[in-house]
Amino acid sequence: KNALHGSESYHAAVREIKFLFPNSLTEPFAPKEPHQEYLKRCV
């Protein structure tokens, strides 16, 4: 009885959010590495 649960990792967060909010229209968030690469290469 420790009051709260929090996602342990990125993959756990994706699964748990989808589990408890199955009708959510929110797109699954992507890992940050592709964004970093795009920013460095193009922006």
Full PDB file with SEQRES, HELIX, SHEET, SSBOND, CRYST1, ORIGX, SCALE, CONECT and MASTER records, all heavy atoms in Angstrom:
SEQRES   1 A   43  LYS ASN ALA LEU HIS GLY SER GLU SER TYR HIS ALA ALA          
SEQRES   2 A   43  VAL ARG GLU ILE LYS PHE LEU PHE PRO ASN SER LEU THR          
SEQRES   3 A   43  GLU PRO PHE ALA PRO LYS GLU PRO HIS GLN GLU TYR LEU          
SEQRES   4 A   43  LYS ARG CYS VAL                                              
HELIX    1 AA1 TYR A   10  LEU A   20  1                                  11    
HELIX    2 AA2 LYS A   32  ARG A   41  1                                  10    
CRYST1    1.000    1.000    1.000  90.00  90.00  90.00 P 1           1          
ORIGX1      1.000000  0.000000  0.000000        0.00000                         
ORIGX2      0.000000  1.000000  0.000000        0.00000                         
ORIGX3      0.000000  0.000000  1.000000        0.00000                         
SCALE1      1.000000  0.000000  0.000000        0.00000                         
SCALE2      0.000000  1.000000  0.000000        0.00000                         
SCALE3      0.000000  0.000000  1.000000        0.00000                         
ATOM      1  N   LYS A   1       0.854  -1.183   0.000  1.00  0.00           N  
ATOM      2  CA  LYS A   1       0.000   0.000   0.000  1.00  0.00           C  
ATOM      3  C   LYS A   1       0.897   1.242   0.000  1.00  0.00           C  
ATOM      4  O   LYS A   1       1.107   1.888   1.018  1.00  0.00           O  
ATOM      5  CB  LYS A   1      -0.929  -0.015   1.214  1.00  0.00           C  
ATOM      6  CG  LYS A   1      -1.884  -1.196   1.215  1.00  0.00           C  
ATOM      7  CD  LYS A   1      -2.820  -1.167   2.409  1.00  0.00           C  
ATOM      8  CE  LYS A   1      -3.806  -2.333   2.369  1.00  0.00           C  
ATOM      9  NZ  LYS A   1      -4.749  -2.308   3.499  1.00  0.00           N  
ATOM     10  N   ASN A   2       1.386   1.540  -1.201  1.00  0.00           N  
ATOM     11  CA  ASN A   2       2.380   2.614  -1.324  1.00  0.00           C  
ATOM     12  C   ASN A   2       1.864   3.832  -2.098  1.00  0.00           C  
ATOM     13  O   ASN A   2       2.636   4.623  -2.628  1.00  0.00           O  
ATOM     14  CB  ASN A   2       3.665   2.098  -1.960  1.00  0.00           C  
ATOM     15  CG  ASN A   2       3.432   1.516  -3.341  1.00  0.00           C  
ATOM     16  OD1 ASN A   2       2.332   1.550  -3.880  1.00  0.00           O  
ATOM     17  ND2 ASN A   2       4.480   0.965  -3.928  1.00  0.00           N  
ATOM     18  N   ALA A   3       0.553   3.974  -2.168  1.00  0.00           N  
ATOM     19  CA  ALA A   3      -0.119   5.203  -2.613  1.00  0.00           C  
ATOM     20  C   ALA A   3      -0.124   5.449  -4.110  1.00  0.00           C  
ATOM     21  O   ALA A   3      -1.131   5.884  -4.667  1.00  0.00           O  
ATOM     22  CB  ALA A   3       0.454   6.432  -1.894  1.00  0.00           C  
ATOM     23  N   LEU A   4       0.987   5.220  -4.799  1.00  0.00           N  
ATOM     24  CA  LEU A   4       1.053   5.581  -6.217  1.00  0.00           C  
ATOM     25  C   LEU A   4       1.803   4.554  -7.043  1.00  0.00           C  
ATOM     26  O   LEU A   4       2.685   3.848  -6.553  1.00  0.00           O  
ATOM     27  CB  LEU A   4       1.741   6.935  -6.416  1.00  0.00           C  
ATOM     28  CG  LEU A   4       0.964   8.162  -5.989  1.00  0.00           C  
ATOM     29  CD1 LEU A   4       1.559   8.734  -4.728  1.00  0.00           C  
ATOM     30  CD2 LEU A   4       0.969   9.210  -7.085  1.00  0.00           C  
ATOM     31  N   HIS A   5       1.432   4.546  -8.313  1.00  0.00           N  
ATOM     32  CA  HIS A   5       2.176   3.809  -9.327  1.00  0.00           C  
ATOM     33  C   HIS A   5       2.669   4.804 -10.367  1.00  0.00           C  
ATOM     34  O   HIS A   5       1.954   5.743 -10.722  1.00  0.00           O  
ATOM     35  CB  HIS A   5       1.285   2.767 -10.014  1.00  0.00           C  
ATOM     36  CG  HIS A   5       1.866   2.229 -11.281  1.00  0.00           C  
ATOM     37  ND1 HIS A   5       2.765   1.180 -11.303  1.00  0.00           N  
ATOM     38  CD2 HIS A   5       1.696   2.611 -12.579  1.00  0.00           C  
ATOM     39  CE1 HIS A   5       3.113   0.934 -12.557  1.00  0.00           C  
ATOM     40  NE2 HIS A   5       2.476   1.783 -13.353  1.00  0.00           N  
ATOM     41  N   GLY A   6       3.879   4.605 -10.869  1.00  0.00           N  
ATOM     42  CA  GLY A   6       4.408   5.410 -11.962  1.00  0.00           C  
ATOM     43  C   GLY A   6       5.086   4.511 -12.978  1.00  0.00           C  
ATOM     44  O   GLY A   6       5.712   3.513 -12.608  1.00  0.00           O  
ATOM     45  N   SER A   7       4.971   4.833 -14.243  1.00  0.00           N  
ATOM     46  CA  SER A   7       5.574   4.009 -15.299  1.00  0.00           C  
ATOM     47  C   SER A   7       7.080   3.920 -15.115  1.00  0.00           C  
ATOM     48  O   SER A   7       7.748   4.925 -14.840  1.00  0.00           O  
ATOM     49  CB  SER A   7       5.257   4.588 -16.673  1.00  0.00           C  
ATOM     50  OG  SER A   7       3.860   4.615 -16.898  1.00  0.00           O  
ATOM     51  N   GLU A   8       7.606   2.722 -15.308  1.00  0.00           N  
ATOM     52  CA  GLU A   8       9.033   2.481 -15.097  1.00  0.00           C  
ATOM     53  C   GLU A   8       9.892   2.886 -16.295  1.00  0.00           C  
ATOM     54  O   GLU A   8      11.066   3.175 -16.140  1.00  0.00           O  
ATOM     55  CB  GLU A   8       9.274   0.995 -14.793  1.00  0.00           C  
ATOM     56  CG  GLU A   8       8.967   0.591 -13.376  1.00  0.00           C  
ATOM     57  CD  GLU A   8       9.941   1.222 -12.382  1.00  0.00           C  
ATOM     58  OE1 GLU A   8      11.151   1.286 -12.675  1.00  0.00           O  
ATOM     59  OE2 GLU A   8       9.482   1.656 -11.319  1.00  0.00           O  
ATOM     60  N   SER A   9       9.320   2.858 -17.485  1.00  0.00           N  
ATOM     61  CA  SER A   9      10.108   3.089 -18.691  1.00  0.00           C  
ATOM     62  C   SER A   9       9.218   3.637 -19.795  1.00  0.00           C  
ATOM     63  O   SER A   9       7.986   3.719 -19.647  1.00  0.00           O  
ATOM     64  CB  SER A   9      10.744   1.779 -19.163  1.00  0.00           C  
ATOM     65  OG  SER A   9       9.740   0.857 -19.567  1.00  0.00           O  
ATOM     66  N   TYR A  10       9.839   3.992 -20.899  1.00  0.00           N  
ATOM     67  CA  TYR A  10       9.100   4.493 -22.057  1.00  0.00           C  
ATOM     68  C   TYR A  10       8.088   3.463 -22.550  1.00  0.00           C  
ATOM     69  O   TYR A  10       6.912   3.771 -22.781  1.00  0.00           O  
ATOM     70  CB  TYR A  10      10.079   4.857 -23.179  1.00  0.00           C  
ATOM     71  CG  TYR A  10       9.431   4.948 -24.536  1.00  0.00           C  
ATOM     72  CD1 TYR A  10       8.646   6.036 -24.880  1.00  0.00           C  
ATOM     73  CD2 TYR A  10       9.601   3.923 -25.479  1.00  0.00           C  
ATOM     74  CE1 TYR A  10       8.033   6.111 -26.123  1.00  0.00           C  
ATOM     75  CE2 TYR A  10       8.993   3.989 -26.714  1.00  0.00           C  
ATOM     76  CZ  TYR A  10       8.208   5.092 -27.030  1.00  0.00           C  
ATOM     77  OH  TYR A  10       7.608   5.154 -28.249  1.00  0.00           O  
ATOM     78  N   HIS A  11       8.549   2.219 -22.714  1.00  0.00           N  
ATOM     79  CA  HIS A  11       7.658   1.180 -23.236  1.00  0.00           C  
ATOM     80  C   HIS A  11       6.535   0.872 -22.254  1.00  0.00           C  
ATOM     81  O   HIS A  11       5.393   0.621 -22.670  1.00  0.00           O  
ATOM     82  CB  HIS A  11       8.469  -0.078 -23.552  1.00  0.00           C  
ATOM     83  CG  HIS A  11       9.449   0.109 -24.668  1.00  0.00           C  
ATOM     84  ND1 HIS A  11       9.054   0.294 -25.978  1.00  0.00           N  
ATOM     85  CD2 HIS A  11      10.806   0.178 -24.676  1.00  0.00           C  
ATOM     86  CE1 HIS A  11      10.114   0.457 -26.747  1.00  0.00           C  
ATOM     87  NE2 HIS A  11      11.189   0.393 -25.985  1.00  0.00           N  
ATOM     88  N   ALA A  12       6.840   0.890 -20.961  1.00  0.00           N  
ATOM     89  CA  ALA A  12       5.801   0.673 -19.955  1.00  0.00           C  
ATOM     90  C   ALA A  12       4.769   1.797 -20.011  1.00  0.00           C  
ATOM     91  O   ALA A  12       3.560   1.553 -19.904  1.00  0.00           O  
ATOM     92  CB  ALA A  12       6.421   0.586 -18.568  1.00  0.00           C  
ATOM     93  N   ALA A  13       5.226   3.027 -20.188  1.00  0.00           N  
ATOM     94  CA  ALA A  13       4.312   4.161 -20.252  1.00  0.00           C  
ATOM     95  C   ALA A  13       3.367   4.044 -21.443  1.00  0.00           C  
ATOM     96  O   ALA A  13       2.165   4.290 -21.323  1.00  0.00           O  
ATOM     97  CB  ALA A  13       5.101   5.468 -20.325  1.00  0.00           C  
ATOM     98  N   VAL A  14       3.904   3.665 -22.596  1.00  0.00           N  
ATOM     99  CA  VAL A  14       3.072   3.497 -23.791  1.00  0.00           C  
ATOM    100  C   VAL A  14       1.987   2.452 -23.535  1.00  0.00           C  
ATOM    101  O   VAL A  14       0.801   2.665 -23.820  1.00  0.00           O  
ATOM    102  CB  VAL A  14       3.934   3.084 -25.002  1.00  0.00           C  
ATOM    103  CG1 VAL A  14       3.039   2.699 -26.183  1.00  0.00           C  
ATOM    104  CG2 VAL A  14       4.877   4.203 -25.402  1.00  0.00           C  
ATOM    105  N   ARG A  15       2.385   1.312 -22.994  1.00  0.00           N  
ATOM    106  CA  ARG A  15       1.432   0.227 -22.752  1.00  0.00           C  
ATOM    107  C   ARG A  15       0.400   0.612 -21.703  1.00  0.00           C  
ATOM    108  O   ARG A  15      -0.808   0.378 -21.871  1.00  0.00           O  
ATOM    109  CB  ARG A  15       2.183  -1.036 -22.292  1.00  0.00           C  
ATOM    110  CG  ARG A  15       1.276  -2.248 -22.107  1.00  0.00           C  
ATOM    111  CD  ARG A  15       2.023  -3.426 -21.525  1.00  0.00           C  
ATOM    112  NE  ARG A  15       2.356  -3.246 -20.132  1.00  0.00           N  
ATOM    113  CZ  ARG A  15       1.514  -3.482 -19.121  1.00  0.00           C  
ATOM    114  NH1 ARG A  15       0.264  -3.885 -19.364  1.00  0.00           N  
ATOM    115  NH2 ARG A  15       1.890  -3.306 -17.889  1.00  0.00           N  
ATOM    116  N   GLU A  16       0.837   1.214 -20.604  1.00  0.00           N  
ATOM    117  CA  GLU A  16      -0.061   1.523 -19.495  1.00  0.00           C  
ATOM    118  C   GLU A  16      -1.050   2.630 -19.840  1.00  0.00           C  
ATOM    119  O   GLU A  16      -2.218   2.580 -19.450  1.00  0.00           O  
ATOM    120  CB  GLU A  16       0.761   1.883 -18.263  1.00  0.00           C  
ATOM    121  CG  GLU A  16       1.538   0.699 -17.707  1.00  0.00           C  
ATOM    122  CD  GLU A  16       2.529   1.082 -16.631  1.00  0.00           C  
ATOM    123  OE1 GLU A  16       2.674   2.293 -16.345  1.00  0.00           O  
ATOM    124  OE2 GLU A  16       3.166   0.174 -16.067  1.00  0.00           O  
ATOM    125  N   ILE A  17      -0.593   3.639 -20.578  1.00  0.00           N  
ATOM    126  CA  ILE A  17      -1.497   4.704 -20.996  1.00  0.00           C  
ATOM    127  C   ILE A  17      -2.573   4.137 -21.923  1.00  0.00           C  
ATOM    128  O   ILE A  17      -3.760   4.438 -21.795  1.00  0.00           O  
ATOM    129  CB  ILE A  17      -0.721   5.849 -21.682  1.00  0.00           C  
ATOM    130  CG1 ILE A  17       0.139   6.593 -20.649  1.00  0.00           C  
ATOM    131  CG2 ILE A  17      -1.680   6.827 -22.365  1.00  0.00           C  
ATOM    132  CD1 ILE A  17       1.103   7.599 -21.254  1.00  0.00           C  
ATOM    133  N   LYS A  18      -2.149   3.290 -22.856  1.00  0.00           N  
ATOM    134  CA  LYS A  18      -3.106   2.671 -23.769  1.00  0.00           C  
ATOM    135  C   LYS A  18      -4.079   1.779 -23.011  1.00  0.00           C  
ATOM    136  O   LYS A  18      -5.266   1.695 -23.350  1.00  0.00           O  
ATOM    137  CB  LYS A  18      -2.348   1.856 -24.828  1.00  0.00           C  
ATOM    138  CG  LYS A  18      -3.247   1.259 -25.904  1.00  0.00           C  
ATOM    139  CD  LYS A  18      -3.902   2.357 -26.735  1.00  0.00           C  
ATOM    140  CE  LYS A  18      -4.730   1.783 -27.868  1.00  0.00           C  
ATOM    141  NZ  LYS A  18      -5.457   2.838 -28.619  1.00  0.00           N  
ATOM    142  N   PHE A  19      -3.599   1.107 -21.972  1.00  0.00           N  
ATOM    143  CA  PHE A  19      -4.445   0.201 -21.197  1.00  0.00           C  
ATOM    144  C   PHE A  19      -5.533   0.964 -20.447  1.00  0.00           C  
ATOM    145  O   PHE A  19      -6.701   0.559 -20.455  1.00  0.00           O  
ATOM    146  CB  PHE A  19      -3.582  -0.583 -20.204  1.00  0.00           C  
ATOM    147  CG  PHE A  19      -4.326  -1.648 -19.446  1.00  0.00           C  
ATOM    148  CD1 PHE A  19      -4.367  -2.947 -19.921  1.00  0.00           C  
ATOM    149  CD2 PHE A  19      -4.987  -1.351 -18.266  1.00  0.00           C  
ATOM    150  CE1 PHE A  19      -5.067  -3.936 -19.229  1.00  0.00           C  
ATOM    151  CE2 PHE A  19      -5.688  -2.325 -17.567  1.00  0.00           C  
ATOM    152  CZ  PHE A  19      -5.724  -3.629 -18.047  1.00  0.00           C  
ATOM    153  N   LEU A  20      -5.160   2.052 -19.796  1.00  0.00           N  
ATOM    154  CA  LEU A  20      -6.117   2.776 -18.967  1.00  0.00           C  
ATOM    155  C   LEU A  20      -6.881   3.857 -19.717  1.00  0.00           C  
ATOM    156  O   LEU A  20      -7.893   4.349 -19.229  1.00  0.00           O  
ATOM    157  CB  LEU A  20      -5.397   3.380 -17.761  1.00  0.00           C  
ATOM    158  CG  LEU A  20      -4.932   2.346 -16.724  1.00  0.00           C  
ATOM    159  CD1 LEU A  20      -4.134   3.001 -15.615  1.00  0.00           C  
ATOM    160  CD2 LEU A  20      -6.132   1.602 -16.126  1.00  0.00           C  
ATOM    161  N   PHE A  21      -6.393   4.226 -20.899  1.00  0.00           N  
ATOM    162  CA  PHE A  21      -7.104   5.200 -21.733  1.00  0.00           C  
ATOM    163  C   PHE A  21      -7.253   4.621 -23.149  1.00  0.00           C  
ATOM    164  O   PHE A  21      -6.713   5.162 -24.115  1.00  0.00           O  
ATOM    165  CB  PHE A  21      -6.351   6.530 -21.770  1.00  0.00           C  
ATOM    166  CG  PHE A  21      -6.258   7.215 -20.434  1.00  0.00           C  
ATOM    167  CD1 PHE A  21      -5.152   7.014 -19.627  1.00  0.00           C  
ATOM    168  CD2 PHE A  21      -7.278   8.034 -19.980  1.00  0.00           C  
ATOM    169  CE1 PHE A  21      -5.063   7.638 -18.378  1.00  0.00           C  
ATOM    170  CE2 PHE A  21      -7.199   8.663 -18.739  1.00  0.00           C  
ATOM    171  CZ  PHE A  21      -6.087   8.456 -17.939  1.00  0.00           C  
ATOM    172  N   PRO A  22      -8.002   3.519 -23.277  1.00  0.00           N  
ATOM    173  CA  PRO A  22      -8.069   2.819 -24.575  1.00  0.00           C  
ATOM    174  C   PRO A  22      -8.728   3.626 -25.678  1.00  0.00           C  
ATOM    175  O   PRO A  22      -8.472   3.377 -26.859  1.00  0.00           O  
ATOM    176  CB  PRO A  22      -8.891   1.565 -24.244  1.00  0.00           C  
ATOM    177  CG  PRO A  22      -9.689   1.938 -23.036  1.00  0.00           C  
ATOM    178  CD  PRO A  22      -8.806   2.855 -22.245  1.00  0.00           C  
ATOM    179  N   ASN A  23      -9.567   4.579 -25.345  1.00  0.00           N  
ATOM    180  CA  ASN A  23     -10.261   5.373 -26.363  1.00  0.00           C  
ATOM    181  C   ASN A  23      -9.562   6.689 -26.665  1.00  0.00           C  
ATOM    182  O   ASN A  23     -10.097   7.540 -27.363  1.00  0.00           O  
ATOM    183  CB  ASN A  23     -11.697   5.652 -25.920  1.00  0.00           C  
ATOM    184  CG  ASN A  23     -12.510   4.378 -25.773  1.00  0.00           C  
ATOM    185  OD1 ASN A  23     -12.362   3.459 -26.574  1.00  0.00           O  
ATOM    186  ND2 ASN A  23     -13.338   4.306 -24.741  1.00  0.00           N  
ATOM    187  N   SER A  24      -8.376   6.848 -26.108  1.00  0.00           N  
ATOM    188  CA  SER A  24      -7.649   8.091 -26.323  1.00  0.00           C  
ATOM    189  C   SER A  24      -7.232   8.219 -27.782  1.00  0.00           C  
ATOM    190  O   SER A  24      -6.817   7.254 -28.418  1.00  0.00           O  
ATOM    191  CB  SER A  24      -6.407   8.132 -25.426  1.00  0.00           C  
ATOM    192  OG  SER A  24      -5.603   9.236 -25.750  1.00  0.00           O  
ATOM    193  N   LEU A  25      -7.339   9.447 -28.299  1.00  0.00           N  
ATOM    194  CA  LEU A  25      -6.908   9.718 -29.669  1.00  0.00           C  
ATOM    195  C   LEU A  25      -5.473  10.204 -29.724  1.00  0.00           C  
ATOM    196  O   LEU A  25      -4.952  10.507 -30.791  1.00  0.00           O  
ATOM    197  CB  LEU A  25      -7.827  10.773 -30.300  1.00  0.00           C  
ATOM    198  CG  LEU A  25      -9.291  10.365 -30.440  1.00  0.00           C  
ATOM    199  CD1 LEU A  25     -10.102  11.529 -31.022  1.00  0.00           C  
ATOM    200  CD2 LEU A  25      -9.431   9.128 -31.298  1.00  0.00           C  
ATOM    201  N   THR A  26      -4.839  10.288 -28.569  1.00  0.00           N  
ATOM    202  CA  THR A  26      -3.462  10.775 -28.515  1.00  0.00           C  
ATOM    203  C   THR A  26      -2.539   9.793 -29.218  1.00  0.00           C  
ATOM    204  O   THR A  26      -2.563   8.604 -28.938  1.00  0.00           O  
ATOM    205  CB  THR A  26      -3.001  10.949 -27.061  1.00  0.00           C  
ATOM    206  OG1 THR A  26      -3.935  11.795 -26.397  1.00  0.00           O  
ATOM    207  CG2 THR A  26      -1.620  11.571 -26.996  1.00  0.00           C  
ATOM    208  N   GLU A  27      -1.734  10.304 -30.128  1.00  0.00           N  
ATOM    209  CA  GLU A  27      -0.775   9.463 -30.833  1.00  0.00           C  
ATOM    210  C   GLU A  27       0.285   8.961 -29.863  1.00  0.00           C  
ATOM    211  O   GLU A  27       0.720   9.691 -28.981  1.00  0.00           O  
ATOM    212  CB  GLU A  27      -0.085  10.257 -31.953  1.00  0.00           C  
ATOM    213  CG  GLU A  27      -1.003  10.655 -33.079  1.00  0.00           C  
ATOM    214  CD  GLU A  27      -1.400   9.473 -33.935  1.00  0.00           C  
ATOM    215  OE1 GLU A  27      -0.632   8.504 -33.988  1.00  0.00           O  
ATOM    216  OE2 GLU A  27      -2.485   9.520 -34.530  1.00  0.00           O  
ATOM    217  N   PRO A  28       0.731   7.707 -30.013  1.00  0.00           N  
ATOM    218  CA  PRO A  28       1.850   7.240 -29.183  1.00  0.00           C  
ATOM    219  C   PRO A  28       3.071   8.112 -29.421  1.00  0.00           C  
ATOM    220  O   PRO A  28       3.392   8.424 -30.565  1.00  0.00           O  
ATOM    221  CB  PRO A  28       2.091   5.810 -29.695  1.00  0.00           C  
ATOM    222  CG  PRO A  28       0.825   5.422 -30.369  1.00  0.00           C  
ATOM    223  CD  PRO A  28       0.255   6.700 -30.935  1.00  0.00           C  
ATOM    224  N   PHE A  29       3.734   8.525 -28.337  1.00  0.00           N  
ATOM    225  CA  PHE A  29       4.876   9.402 -28.535  1.00  0.00           C  
ATOM    226  C   PHE A  29       6.073   8.587 -28.996  1.00  0.00           C  
ATOM    227  O   PHE A  29       6.269   7.449 -28.624  1.00  0.00           O  
ATOM    228  CB  PHE A  29       5.221  10.190 -27.262  1.00  0.00           C  
ATOM    229  CG  PHE A  29       5.334   9.362 -26.021  1.00  0.00           C  
ATOM    230  CD1 PHE A  29       6.542   8.800 -25.644  1.00  0.00           C  
ATOM    231  CD2 PHE A  29       4.229   9.175 -25.211  1.00  0.00           C  
ATOM    232  CE1 PHE A  29       6.638   8.052 -24.491  1.00  0.00           C  
ATOM    233  CE2 PHE A  29       4.320   8.420 -24.060  1.00  0.00           C  
ATOM    234  CZ  PHE A  29       5.531   7.847 -23.703  1.00  0.00           C  
ATOM    235  N   ALA A  30       6.874   9.217 -29.830  1.00  0.00           N  
ATOM    236  CA  ALA A  30       8.006   8.538 -30.440  1.00  0.00           C  
ATOM    237  C   ALA A  30       9.260   8.746 -29.606  1.00  0.00           C  
ATOM    238  O   ALA A  30       9.384   9.735 -28.888  1.00  0.00           O  
ATOM    239  CB  ALA A  30       8.241   9.091 -31.856  1.00  0.00           C  
ATOM    240  N   PRO A  31      10.218   7.824 -29.684  1.00  0.00           N  
ATOM    241  CA  PRO A  31      11.493   8.043 -29.006  1.00  0.00           C  
ATOM    242  C   PRO A  31      12.157   9.305 -29.507  1.00  0.00           C  
ATOM    243  O   PRO A  31      11.970   9.720 -30.639  1.00  0.00           O  
ATOM    244  CB  PRO A  31      12.309   6.799 -29.399  1.00  0.00           C  
ATOM    245  CG  PRO A  31      11.293   5.784 -29.799  1.00  0.00           C  
ATOM    246  CD  PRO A  31      10.148   6.546 -30.389  1.00  0.00           C  
ATOM    247  N   LYS A  32      12.958   9.920 -28.658  1.00  0.00           N  
ATOM    248  CA  LYS A  32      13.512  11.222 -29.010  1.00  0.00           C  
ATOM    249  C   LYS A  32      14.666  11.151 -30.005  1.00  0.00           C  
ATOM    250  O   LYS A  32      14.985  12.142 -30.656  1.00  0.00           O  
ATOM    251  CB  LYS A  32      13.974  11.950 -27.753  1.00  0.00           C  
ATOM    252  CG  LYS A  32      15.114  11.266 -26.999  1.00  0.00           C  
ATOM    253  CD  LYS A  32      15.385  11.986 -25.691  1.00  0.00           C  
ATOM    254  CE  LYS A  32      16.513  11.342 -24.907  1.00  0.00           C  
ATOM    255  NZ  LYS A  32      16.736  11.986 -23.612  1.00  0.00           N  
ATOM    256  N   GLU A  33      15.293   9.963 -30.179  1.00  0.00           N  
ATOM    257  CA  GLU A  33      16.471   9.886 -31.033  1.00  0.00           C  
ATOM    258  C   GLU A  33      16.207  10.313 -32.470  1.00  0.00           C  
ATOM    259  O   GLU A  33      16.991  11.073 -33.044  1.00  0.00           O  
ATOM    260  CB  GLU A  33      17.063   8.464 -30.990  1.00  0.00           C  
ATOM    261  CG  GLU A  33      17.767   8.111 -29.706  1.00  0.00           C  
ATOM    262  CD  GLU A  33      16.808   7.782 -28.573  1.00  0.00           C  
ATOM    263  OE1 GLU A  33      15.601   7.638 -28.848  1.00  0.00           O  
ATOM    264  OE2 GLU A  33      17.264   7.661 -27.426  1.00  0.00           O  
ATOM    265  N   PRO A  34      15.101   9.847 -33.112  1.00  0.00           N  
ATOM    266  CA  PRO A  34      14.850  10.304 -34.489  1.00  0.00           C  
ATOM    267  C   PRO A  34      14.665  11.806 -34.596  1.00  0.00           C  
ATOM    268  O   PRO A  34      15.076  12.424 -35.579  1.00  0.00           O  
ATOM    269  CB  PRO A  34      13.566   9.558 -34.870  1.00  0.00           C  
ATOM    270  CG  PRO A  34      13.541   8.365 -33.985  1.00  0.00           C  
ATOM    271  CD  PRO A  34      14.147   8.822 -32.696  1.00  0.00           C  
ATOM    272  N   HIS A  35      14.058  12.407 -33.569  1.00  0.00           N  
ATOM    273  CA  HIS A  35      13.874  13.856 -33.582  1.00  0.00           C  
ATOM    274  C   HIS A  35      15.221  14.570 -33.491  1.00  0.00           C  
ATOM    275  O   HIS A  35      15.457  15.575 -34.166  1.00  0.00           O  
ATOM    276  CB  HIS A  35      12.962  14.274 -32.432  1.00  0.00           C  
ATOM    277  CG  HIS A  35      11.592  13.688 -32.502  1.00  0.00           C  
ATOM    278  ND1 HIS A  35      10.618  14.138 -33.376  1.00  0.00           N  
ATOM    279  CD2 HIS A  35      11.031  12.663 -31.825  1.00  0.00           C  
ATOM    280  CE1 HIS A  35       9.521  13.433 -33.224  1.00  0.00           C  
ATOM    281  NE2 HIS A  35       9.734  12.524 -32.290  1.00  0.00           N  
ATOM    282  N   GLN A  36      16.096  14.059 -32.636  1.00  0.00           N  
ATOM    283  CA  GLN A  36      17.423  14.648 -32.507  1.00  0.00           C  
ATOM    284  C   GLN A  36      18.167  14.585 -33.830  1.00  0.00           C  
ATOM    285  O   GLN A  36      18.799  15.555 -34.258  1.00  0.00           O  
ATOM    286  CB  GLN A  36      18.219  13.907 -31.426  1.00  0.00           C  
ATOM    287  CG  GLN A  36      17.756  14.181 -30.006  1.00  0.00           C  
ATOM    288  CD  GLN A  36      18.541  13.380 -28.997  1.00  0.00           C  
ATOM    289  OE1 GLN A  36      18.682  12.160 -29.127  1.00  0.00           O  
ATOM    290  NE2 GLN A  36      19.053  14.036 -27.987  1.00  0.00           N  
ATOM    291  N   GLU A  37      18.095  13.426 -34.484  1.00  0.00           N  
ATOM    292  CA  GLU A  37      18.798  13.248 -35.748  1.00  0.00           C  
ATOM    293  C   GLU A  37      18.247  14.200 -36.808  1.00  0.00           C  
ATOM    294  O   GLU A  37      19.016  14.813 -37.563  1.00  0.00           O  
ATOM    295  CB  GLU A  37      18.648  11.795 -36.211  1.00  0.00           C  
ATOM    296  CG  GLU A  37      19.289  11.506 -37.563  1.00  0.00           C  
ATOM    297  CD  GLU A  37      20.785  11.782 -37.563  1.00  0.00           C  
ATOM    298  OE1 GLU A  37      21.420  11.677 -36.489  1.00  0.00           O  
ATOM    299  OE2 GLU A  37      21.305  12.124 -38.641  1.00  0.00           O  
ATOM    300  N   TYR A  38      16.924  14.354 -36.873  1.00  0.00           N  
ATOM    301  CA  TYR A  38      16.315  15.247 -37.859  1.00  0.00           C  
ATOM    302  C   TYR A  38      16.726  16.693 -37.598  1.00  0.00           C  
ATOM    303  O   TYR A  38      17.061  17.433 -38.530  1.00  0.00           O  
ATOM    304  CB  TYR A  38      14.798  15.115 -37.827  1.00  0.00           C  
ATOM    305  CG  TYR A  38      14.104  16.065 -38.770  1.00  0.00           C  
ATOM    306  CD1 TYR A  38      14.040  15.795 -40.131  1.00  0.00           C  
ATOM    307  CD2 TYR A  38      13.542  17.254 -38.296  1.00  0.00           C  
ATOM    308  CE1 TYR A  38      13.424  16.676 -41.007  1.00  0.00           C  
ATOM    309  CE2 TYR A  38      12.920  18.136 -39.171  1.00  0.00           C  
ATOM    310  CZ  TYR A  38      12.858  17.839 -40.515  1.00  0.00           C  
ATOM    311  OH  TYR A  38      12.265  18.718 -41.380  1.00  0.00           O  
ATOM    312  N   LEU A  39      16.716  17.103 -36.324  1.00  0.00           N  
ATOM    313  CA  LEU A  39      17.109  18.474 -36.000  1.00  0.00           C  
ATOM    314  C   LEU A  39      18.555  18.744 -36.396  1.00  0.00           C  
ATOM    315  O   LEU A  39      18.874  19.780 -36.981  1.00  0.00           O  
ATOM    316  CB  LEU A  39      16.909  18.725 -34.503  1.00  0.00           C  
ATOM    317  CG  LEU A  39      15.465  18.822 -34.009  1.00  0.00           C  
ATOM    318  CD1 LEU A  39      15.431  18.865 -32.486  1.00  0.00           C  
ATOM    319  CD2 LEU A  39      14.790  20.055 -34.572  1.00  0.00           C  
ATOM    320  N   LYS A  40      19.447  17.808 -36.094  1.00  0.00           N  
ATOM    321  CA  LYS A  40      20.860  17.989 -36.415  1.00  0.00           C  
ATOM    322  C   LYS A  40      21.099  18.014 -37.919  1.00  0.00           C  
ATOM    323  O   LYS A  40      21.934  18.762 -38.416  1.00  0.00           O  
ATOM    324  CB  LYS A  40      21.689  16.867 -35.778  1.00  0.00           C  
ATOM    325  CG  LYS A  40      21.772  16.943 -34.265  1.00  0.00           C  
ATOM    326  CD  LYS A  40      22.582  15.777 -33.709  1.00  0.00           C  
ATOM    327  CE  LYS A  40      22.639  15.816 -32.185  1.00  0.00           C  
ATOM    328  NZ  LYS A  40      23.386  14.657 -31.636  1.00  0.00           N  
ATOM    329  N   ARG A  41      20.348  17.160 -38.638  1.00  0.00           N  
ATOM    330  CA  ARG A  41      20.586  17.005 -40.069  1.00  0.00           C  
ATOM    331  C   ARG A  41      19.930  18.094 -40.903  1.00  0.00           C  
ATOM    332  O   ARG A  41      20.513  18.556 -41.902  1.00  0.00           O  
ATOM    333  CB  ARG A  41      20.085  15.624 -40.520  1.00  0.00           C  
ATOM    334  CG  ARG A  41      20.268  15.322 -41.999  1.00  0.00           C  
ATOM    335  CD  ARG A  41      20.021  13.845 -42.275  1.00  0.00           C  
ATOM    336  NE  ARG A  41      18.775  13.403 -41.672  1.00  0.00           N  
ATOM    337  CZ  ARG A  41      17.587  13.512 -42.259  1.00  0.00           C  
ATOM    338  NH1 ARG A  41      17.477  14.066 -43.458  1.00  0.00           N  
ATOM    339  NH2 ARG A  41      16.499  13.062 -41.657  1.00  0.00           N  
ATOM    340  N   CYS A  42      18.724  18.529 -40.511  1.00  0.00           N  
ATOM    341  CA  CYS A  42      17.959  19.433 -41.362  1.00  0.00           C  
ATOM    342  C   CYS A  42      17.727  20.826 -40.769  1.00  0.00           C  
ATOM    343  O   CYS A  42      17.900  21.827 -41.457  1.00  0.00           O  
ATOM    344  CB  CYS A  42      16.599  18.812 -41.694  1.00  0.00           C  
ATOM    345  SG  CYS A  42      16.707  17.265 -42.605  1.00  0.00           S  
ATOM    346  N   VAL A  43      17.348  20.876 -39.520  1.00  0.00           N  
ATOM    347  CA  VAL A  43      16.896  22.148 -38.952  1.00  0.00           C  
ATOM    348  C   VAL A  43      18.066  23.039 -38.562  1.00  0.00           C  
ATOM    349  O   VAL A  43      18.132  24.215 -38.957  1.00  0.00           O  
ATOM    350  CB  VAL A  43      15.973  21.903 -37.743  1.00  0.00           C  
ATOM    351  CG1 VAL A  43      15.554  23.236 -37.120  1.00  0.00           C  
ATOM    352  CG2 VAL A  43      14.758  21.110 -38.168  1.00  0.00           C  
TER     353      VAL A  43                                                      
MASTER        0    0    0    2    0    0    0    6  352    1    0    4          
END                                                                             
